[in-house]
C-alpha atoms as a PDB file:
ATOM      1  CA  MET A   1       0.544   0.246  -0.161  1.00  0.00           C
ATOM      2  CA  ARG A   2       1.344   3.293  -1.364  1.00  0.00           C
ATOM      3  CA  GLU A   3       0.369   6.731   1.031  1.00  0.00           C
ATOM      4  CA  ASN A   4       1.475   9.977  -0.406  1.00  0.00           C
ATOM      5  CA  GLY A   5       2.374  12.473   1.691  1.00  0.00           C
ATOM      6  CA  GLY A   6      17.137  14.507   7.005  1.00  0.00           C
ATOM      7  CA  PRO A   7      18.077  17.177   8.677  1.00  0.00           C
ATOM      8  CA  VAL A   8      15.602  17.460  12.598  1.00  0.00           C
ATOM      9  CA  VAL A   9      14.016  20.603  12.721  1.00  0.00           C
ATOM     10  CA  THR A  10      14.264  22.841  16.147  1.00  0.00           C
ATOM     11  CA  ASP A  11      10.962  22.674  18.314  1.00  0.00           C
ATOM     12  CA  PHE A  12       8.027  25.048  17.565  1.00  0.00           C
ATOM     13  CA  ASN A  13       6.491  26.809  20.524  1.00  0.00           C
ATOM     14  CA  TYR A  14       3.229  27.610  19.683  1.00  0.00           C
ATOM     15  CA  THR A  15       1.422  30.148  21.528  1.00  0.00           C
ATOM     16  CA  PRO A  16      -2.387  29.682  21.784  1.00  0.00           C
ATOM     17  CA  SER A  17      -4.611  32.604  20.744  1.00  0.00           C
ATOM     18  CA  HIS A  18      -6.599  33.545  23.101  1.00  0.00           C
ATOM     19  CA  GLN A  19      -4.919  33.017  26.304  1.00  0.00           C
ATOM     20  CA  LYS A  20      -6.726  32.144  28.509  1.00  0.00           C
ATOM     21  CA  GLN A  21      -6.246  30.016  31.456  1.00  0.00           C
ATOM     22  CA  PHE A  22      -7.079  26.322  30.229  1.00  0.00           C
ATOM     23  CA  LEU A  23      -7.692  24.515  33.417  1.00  0.00           C
ATOM     24  CA  GLN A  24      -6.288  20.644  33.855  1.00  0.00           C
ATOM     25  CA  PRO A  25      -8.936  18.931  35.041  1.00  0.00           C
ATOM     26  CA  ALA A  26      -6.101  15.862  35.442  1.00  0.00           C
ATOM     27  CA  VAL A  27      -3.482  17.629  37.776  1.00  0.00           C
ATOM     28  CA  GLY A  28      -5.731  20.214  38.754  1.00  0.00           C
ATOM     29  CA  THR A  29      -3.174  23.023  37.558  1.00  0.00           C
ATOM     30  CA  THR A  30      -4.026  26.057  35.352  1.00  0.00           C
ATOM     31  CA  VAL A  31      -1.869  27.690  32.449  1.00  0.00           C
ATOM     32  CA  SER A  32      -2.353  30.240  30.347  1.00  0.00           C
ATOM     33  CA  SER A  33       0.569  28.960  27.905  1.00  0.00           C
ATOM     34  CA  HIS A  34       1.924  26.329  25.230  1.00  0.00           C
ATOM     35  CA  GLN A  35       5.041  26.556  27.391  1.00  0.00           C
ATOM     36  CA  ASP A  36       2.880  25.674  31.135  1.00  0.00           C
ATOM     37  CA  LEU A  37       0.432  23.173  28.604  1.00  0.00           C
ATOM     38  CA  LYS A  38       4.140  21.533  27.456  1.00  0.00           C
ATOM     39  CA  GLN A  39       5.352  21.082  31.223  1.00  0.00           C
ATOM     40  CA  ILE A  40       1.947  19.162  32.086  1.00  0.00           C
ATOM     41  CA  VAL A  41       2.439  16.935  29.316  1.00  0.00           C
ATOM     42  CA  GLU A  42       6.096  15.683  30.203  1.00  0.00           C
ATOM     43  CA  MET A  43       5.055  15.601  33.588  1.00  0.00           C
ATOM     44  CA  THR A  44       2.387  13.219  33.196  1.00  0.00           C
ATOM     45  CA  LEU A  45       3.573  12.006  30.598  1.00  0.00           C
ATOM     46  CA  GLY A  46       5.059   8.645  31.935  1.00  0.00           C
ATOM     47  CA  SER A  47       1.361   8.216  34.077  1.00  0.00           C
ATOM     48  CA  GLU A  48      -0.838   5.948  32.407  1.00  0.00           C
ATOM     49  CA  GLY A  49      -4.118   7.172  34.355  1.00  0.00           C
ATOM     50  CA  VAL A  50      -3.581  10.125  33.663  1.00  0.00           C
ATOM     51  CA  LEU A  51      -3.061   9.850  30.213  1.00  0.00           C
ATOM     52  CA  ASN A  52      -6.672   9.519  29.673  1.00  0.00           C
ATOM     53  CA  GLN A  53      -8.004  12.134  31.217  1.00  0.00           C
ATOM     54  CA  ALA A  54      -5.156  14.790  29.718  1.00  0.00           C
ATOM     55  CA  VAL A  55      -6.734  14.639  26.310  1.00  0.00           C
ATOM     56  CA  LYS A  56      -9.895  15.668  27.267  1.00  0.00           C
ATOM     57  CA  LEU A  57     -11.035  19.317  26.550  1.00  0.00           C
ATOM     58  CA  PRO A  58     -10.619  21.321  29.646  1.00  0.00           C
ATOM     59  CA  ARG A  59     -13.766  22.866  31.241  1.00  0.00           C
ATOM     60  CA  GLY A  60     -14.958  25.875  28.635  1.00  0.00           C
ATOM     61  CA  GLU A  61     -11.549  25.614  26.406  1.00  0.00           C
ATOM     62  CA  ASP A  62     -12.191  25.980  22.988  1.00  0.00           C
ATOM     63  CA  GLU A  63     -11.625  22.599  20.781  1.00  0.00           C
ATOM     64  CA  ASN A  64      -9.701  24.325  17.822  1.00  0.00           C
ATOM     65  CA  GLU A  65      -7.239  25.527  20.387  1.00  0.00           C
ATOM     66  CA  TRP A  66      -6.803  22.693  22.560  1.00  0.00           C
ATOM     67  CA  CYS A  67      -6.482  20.419  19.365  1.00  0.00           C
ATOM     68  CA  ALA A  68      -3.481  23.538  17.739  1.00  0.00           C
ATOM     69  CA  VAL A  69      -1.733  23.542  21.065  1.00  0.00           C
ATOM     70  CA  HIS A  70      -1.479  19.342  20.660  1.00  0.00           C
ATOM     71  CA  CYS A  71      -0.688  19.140  17.584  1.00  0.00           C
ATOM     72  CA  VAL A  72       2.055  21.152  18.483  1.00  0.00           C
ATOM     73  CA  ASP A  73       3.268  19.043  21.440  1.00  0.00           C
ATOM     74  CA  PHE A  74       3.064  15.979  19.239  1.00  0.00           C
ATOM     75  CA  TYR A  75       4.825  17.800  17.164  1.00  0.00           C
ATOM     76  CA  ASN A  76       7.759  18.425  19.276  1.00  0.00           C
ATOM     77  CA  GLN A  77       7.698  14.692  21.029  1.00  0.00           C
ATOM     78  CA  ILE A  78       8.069  13.210  17.709  1.00  0.00           C
ATOM     79  CA  ASN A  79      11.125  15.316  16.350  1.00  0.00           C
ATOM     80  CA  MET A  80      12.343  14.822  19.179  1.00  0.00           C
ATOM     81  CA  LEU A  81      12.050  11.350  19.244  1.00  0.00           C
ATOM     82  CA  TYR A  82      13.024  10.881  15.695  1.00  0.00           C
ATOM     83  CA  GLY A  83      16.042  13.149  16.272  1.00  0.00           C
ATOM     84  CA  THR A  84      17.778  10.532  18.607  1.00  0.00           C
ATOM     85  CA  ILE A  85      17.999   7.735  15.892  1.00  0.00           C
ATOM     86  CA  THR A  86      19.107  10.417  13.058  1.00  0.00           C
ATOM     87  CA  GLU A  87      22.484   8.423  12.731  1.00  0.00           C
ATOM     88  CA  PHE A  88      20.476   4.944  12.223  1.00  0.00           C
ATOM     89  CA  CYS A  89      18.264   6.317   9.609  1.00  0.00           C
ATOM     90  CA  SER A  90      19.742   7.471   6.563  1.00  0.00           C
ATOM     91  CA  PRO A  91      19.239   7.737   2.638  1.00  0.00           C
ATOM     92  CA  GLN A  92      21.412   4.623   2.658  1.00  0.00           C
ATOM     93  CA  SER A  93      20.126   2.646   5.429  1.00  0.00           C
ATOM     94  CA  CYS A  94      16.189   4.002   4.540  1.00  0.00           C
ATOM     95  CA  PRO A  95      16.174   4.853   1.033  1.00  0.00           C
ATOM     96  CA  ARG A  96      12.509   4.188   1.246  1.00  0.00           C
ATOM     97  CA  MET A  97      10.371   6.269   3.871  1.00  0.00           C
ATOM     98  CA  ILE A  98       8.049   2.312   4.768  1.00  0.00           C
ATOM     99  CA  ALA A  99       6.645   0.824   7.686  1.00  0.00           C
ATOM    100  CA  THR A 100       6.659  -2.868   6.825  1.00  0.00           C
ATOM    101  CA  ASN A 101       6.981  -3.799   2.974  1.00  0.00           C
ATOM    102  CA  GLU A 102       3.334  -3.169   3.254  1.00  0.00           C
ATOM    103  CA  TYR A 103       3.037   0.504   3.697  1.00  0.00           C
ATOM    104  CA  GLU A 104       5.271   2.967   2.093  1.00  0.00           C
ATOM    105  CA  TYR A 105       4.668   6.692   2.790  1.00  0.00           C
ATOM    106  CA  LEU A 106       5.093   9.462  -0.421  1.00  0.00           C
ATOM    107  CA  TRP A 107       5.510  12.831  -1.005  1.00  0.00           C
ATOM    108  CA  CYS A 108       4.005  15.469  -2.714  1.00  0.00           C
ATOM    109  CA  PHE A 109       6.600  18.571  -3.273  1.00  0.00           C
ATOM    110  CA  GLN A 110       3.717  20.882  -5.091  1.00  0.00           C
ATOM    111  CA  LYS A 111       0.162  20.588  -5.317  1.00  0.00           C
ATOM    112  CA  GLY A 112      -1.210  18.819  -8.302  1.00  0.00           C
ATOM    113  CA  GLN A 113       1.929  16.882  -9.083  1.00  0.00           C
ATOM    114  CA  VAL A 114       2.171  13.857  -8.248  1.00  0.00           C
ATOM    115  CA  PRO A 115       3.855  11.996  -5.269  1.00  0.00           C
ATOM    116  CA  VAL A 116       6.970  10.779  -5.673  1.00  0.00           C
ATOM    117  CA  ALA A 117       8.766   7.880  -3.516  1.00  0.00           C
ATOM    118  CA  VAL A 118      11.949   9.583  -1.558  1.00  0.00           C
ATOM    119  CA  SER A 119      14.381   8.418   1.331  1.00  0.00           C
ATOM    120  CA  ALA A 120      12.923   8.834   5.117  1.00  0.00           C
ATOM    121  CA  PRO A 121      14.737  11.513   6.591  1.00  0.00           C
ATOM    122  CA  LYS A 122      13.722  13.130   3.193  1.00  0.00           C
ATOM    123  CA  TYR A 123      10.233  12.441   4.084  1.00  0.00           C
ATOM    124  CA  VAL A 124      11.166  13.253   7.562  1.00  0.00           C
ATOM    125  CA  GLU A 125      13.107  16.367   6.818  1.00  0.00           C
ATOM    126  CA  CYS A 126       9.636  17.278   3.874  1.00  0.00           C
ATOM    127  CA  LEU A 127       6.899  16.907   6.909  1.00  0.00           C
ATOM    128  CA  MET A 128       8.374  18.758   9.242  1.00  0.00           C
ATOM    129  CA  ARG A 129       9.035  21.520   7.101  1.00  0.00           C
ATOM    130  CA  TRP A 130       5.657  21.631   6.409  1.00  0.00           C
ATOM    131  CA  CYS A 131       4.391  20.946  10.181  1.00  0.00           C
ATOM    132  CA  GLN A 132       6.190  24.413  11.147  1.00  0.00           C
ATOM    133  CA  ASP A 133       5.089  26.202   7.272  1.00  0.00           C
ATOM    134  CA  GLN A 134       1.550  25.466   9.136  1.00  0.00           C
ATOM    135  CA  PHE A 135       1.685  26.313  12.210  1.00  0.00           C
ATOM    136  CA  ASP A 136       3.696  29.945  11.052  1.00  0.00           C
ATOM    137  CA  ASP A 137       0.525  30.545   8.825  1.00  0.00           C
ATOM    138  CA  GLU A 138      -1.661  32.905  10.899  1.00  0.00           C
ATOM    139  CA  SER A 139      -4.551  32.129   8.592  1.00  0.00           C
ATOM    140  CA  ILE A 140      -4.288  28.816  10.153  1.00  0.00           C
ATOM    141  CA  PHE A 141      -2.645  28.412  13.513  1.00  0.00           C
ATOM    142  CA  PRO A 142      -3.599  31.956  14.399  1.00  0.00           C
ATOM    143  CA  ALA A 143      -0.788  33.135  17.147  1.00  0.00           C
ATOM    144  CA  LYS A 144      -2.996  36.992  18.101  1.00  0.00           C
ATOM    145  CA  LEU A 145      -6.055  38.063  20.158  1.00  0.00           C
ATOM    146  CA  SER A 146      -7.991  38.849  17.402  1.00  0.00           C
ATOM    147  CA  GLY A 147      -7.312  35.588  15.385  1.00  0.00           C
ATOM    148  CA  GLN A 148      -9.524  33.054  14.114  1.00  0.00           C
ATOM    149  CA  PHE A 149      -9.483  29.579  12.913  1.00  0.00           C
ATOM    150  CA  PRO A 150     -10.450  28.900   9.463  1.00  0.00           C
ATOM    151  CA  PRO A 151     -13.170  26.957   9.142  1.00  0.00           C
ATOM    152  CA  LYS A 152     -13.644  22.767   9.090  1.00  0.00           C
ATOM    153  CA  PHE A 153      -9.923  23.474  10.694  1.00  0.00           C
ATOM    154  CA  ILE A 154      -9.872  20.375  12.817  1.00  0.00           C
ATOM    155  CA  SER A 155     -10.963  18.234  10.025  1.00  0.00           C
ATOM    156  CA  LYS A 156      -8.863  19.800   7.320  1.00  0.00           C
ATOM    157  CA  TYR A 157      -5.774  20.328   8.485  1.00  0.00           C
ATOM    158  CA  VAL A 158      -5.548  18.625  12.115  1.00  0.00           C
ATOM    159  CA  VAL A 159      -6.439  15.777  10.762  1.00  0.00           C
ATOM    160  CA  GLN A 160      -3.627  15.792   7.767  1.00  0.00           C
ATOM    161  CA  MET A 161      -1.331  16.872  10.053  1.00  0.00           C
ATOM    162  CA  LEU A 162      -1.962  13.822  12.429  1.00  0.00           C
ATOM    163  CA  ARG A 163      -2.251  11.428   9.949  1.00  0.00           C
ATOM    164  CA  ARG A 164       1.251  12.271   8.467  1.00  0.00           C
ATOM    165  CA  LEU A 165       2.979  12.809  11.608  1.00  0.00           C
ATOM    166  CA  PHE A 166       1.903   8.839  12.331  1.00  0.00           C
ATOM    167  CA  ARG A 167       3.811   7.790   9.988  1.00  0.00           C
ATOM    168  CA  VAL A 168       7.378   8.784  11.577  1.00  0.00           C
ATOM    169  CA  TYR A 169       6.390   6.418  14.478  1.00  0.00           C
ATOM    170  CA  ALA A 170       5.199   3.968  11.981  1.00  0.00           C
ATOM    171  CA  HIS A 171       8.802   4.180  10.637  1.00  0.00           C
ATOM    172  CA  ILE A 172      10.669   4.559  13.796  1.00  0.00           C
ATOM    173  CA  TYR A 173       8.667   1.003  15.483  1.00  0.00           C
ATOM    174  CA  CYS A 174       9.139  -0.892  12.573  1.00  0.00           C
ATOM    175  CA  HIS A 175      12.390   0.355  11.116  1.00  0.00           C
ATOM    176  CA  HIS A 176      14.383   1.405  14.354  1.00  0.00           C
ATOM    177  CA  PHE A 177      12.765  -0.509  17.448  1.00  0.00           C
ATOM    178  CA  ASN A 178      16.217  -2.465  18.199  1.00  0.00           C
ATOM    179  CA  GLU A 179      17.718   1.020  18.303  1.00  0.00           C
ATOM    180  CA  ILE A 180      14.850   2.601  20.255  1.00  0.00           C
ATOM    181  CA  LEU A 181      15.531  -0.449  23.170  1.00  0.00           C
ATOM    182  CA  GLU A 182      19.537   0.336  22.782  1.00  0.00           C
ATOM    183  CA  LEU A 183      19.050   3.753  23.506  1.00  0.00           C
ATOM    184  CA  ASN A 184      16.496   2.885  26.590  1.00  0.00           C
ATOM    185  CA  LEU A 185      13.927   4.679  24.557  1.00  0.00           C
ATOM    186  CA  GLN A 186      11.129   2.358  24.776  1.00  0.00           C
ATOM    187  CA  THR A 187       9.517   3.670  27.489  1.00  0.00           C
ATOM    188  CA  VAL A 188       9.184   7.245  26.141  1.00  0.00           C
ATOM    189  CA  LEU A 189       8.491   6.586  22.305  1.00  0.00           C
ATOM    190  CA  ASN A 190       5.206   4.304  24.559  1.00  0.00           C
ATOM    191  CA  THR A 191       3.993   6.940  26.533  1.00  0.00           C
ATOM    192  CA  SER A 192       4.232   9.140  23.664  1.00  0.00           C
ATOM    193  CA  PHE A 193       2.862   7.132  20.650  1.00  0.00           C
ATOM    194  CA  ARG A 194      -0.242   6.297  23.582  1.00  0.00           C
ATOM    195  CA  HIS A 195      -0.908   9.941  23.852  1.00  0.00           C
ATOM    196  CA  PHE A 196      -1.196  10.251  19.998  1.00  0.00           C
ATOM    197  CA  CYS A 197      -3.479   7.547  19.793  1.00  0.00           C
ATOM    198  CA  LEU A 198      -5.941   8.619  22.836  1.00  0.00           C
ATOM    199  CA  PHE A 199      -5.839  12.035  22.031  1.00  0.00           C
ATOM    200  CA  SER A 200      -6.258  11.013  17.913  1.00  0.00           C
ATOM    201  CA  GLN A 201      -9.527   8.638  19.501  1.00  0.00           C
ATOM    202  CA  GLU A 202     -11.246  11.345  22.022  1.00  0.00           C
ATOM    203  CA  PHE A 203     -11.622  13.531  19.594  1.00  0.00           C
ATOM    204  CA  GLU A 204     -12.149  11.064  16.566  1.00  0.00           C
ATOM    205  CA  LEU A 205      -9.333  12.279  14.322  1.00  0.00           C
ATOM    206  CA  LEU A 206      -8.097   9.120  12.638  1.00  0.00           C
ATOM    207  CA  ARG A 207      -9.875   6.251  11.487  1.00  0.00           C
ATOM    208  CA  PRO A 208      -7.904   2.687  12.042  1.00  0.00           C
ATOM    209  CA  ALA A 209      -7.031   2.571   8.058  1.00  0.00           C
ATOM    210  CA  ASP A 210      -4.631   5.438   8.594  1.00  0.00           C
ATOM    211  CA  PHE A 211      -2.866   3.104  11.480  1.00  0.00           C
ATOM    212  CA  GLY A 212      -1.996   0.350   9.335  1.00  0.00           C
ATOM    213  CA  PRO A 213       1.183  -1.598   9.964  1.00  0.00           C
ATOM    214  CA  LEU A 214       0.339  -0.320  14.315  1.00  0.00           C
ATOM    215  CA  LEU A 215      -3.092  -1.239  14.017  1.00  0.00           C
ATOM    216  CA  GLU A 216      -2.671  -4.022  16.307  1.00  0.00           C
ATOM    217  CA  LEU A 217      -0.414  -1.739  18.802  1.00  0.00           C
ATOM    218  CA  VAL A 218      -3.125   1.062  18.991  1.00  0.00           C
ATOM    219  CA  MET A 219      -5.564  -1.506  19.876  1.00  0.00           C
ATOM    220  CA  GLU A 220      -3.057  -2.667  22.625  1.00  0.00           C
ATOM    221  CA  LEU A 221      -2.420   1.012  23.802  1.00  0.00           C
ATOM    222  CA  ARG A 222      -5.817   2.208  24.223  1.00  0.00           C
ATOM    223  CA  ASP A 223      -7.035  -0.577  26.208  1.00  0.00           C
ATOM    224  CA  ARG A 224      -4.469   0.079  28.590  1.00  0.00           C
END
């Protein structure tokens, strides 16, 4: 199955447009910016009981803004995780962006062009740059107090971004898990991916087909 969809870019910090105080029900902590939220996510990442509650929309918060903040968090987590195995993922070792031999993810460089096969590092490089371009676009991810999210923000932008970010998880799990074990990062990877799965499930963002090569793992992590 072929689906379209280097160097790792730095973390991206997104400040929510309305600067409200988010009430985080899982830990009873008030946050007022993306940085505060990021610290809470990092503190609770290893707690399985907390993760189930951490993905739920805080009372009175805007769903678009909640999804936007999580998009940035997953981008940063995946960027960090991939950064740990870049020396093992090169155009020579991973000439195609695959997850098992059944799934290959293609990249479309320009709208209207036919998606093409690229190496895994090139795919990740293009994906991270594409995400940054989305975050920098005020018409998509508003950073100003007066900014508004575009119509169908979640179905049009969030779903597409999460679907593509998942592919990096899939490549790491299917082709670099031995390196993850050697680096003793399996707990970090598993917790991050479980967070991603629970969030996608909570807001019904991804379909079972989107999880293709990792569907069995997804079901296991959701049920834990």
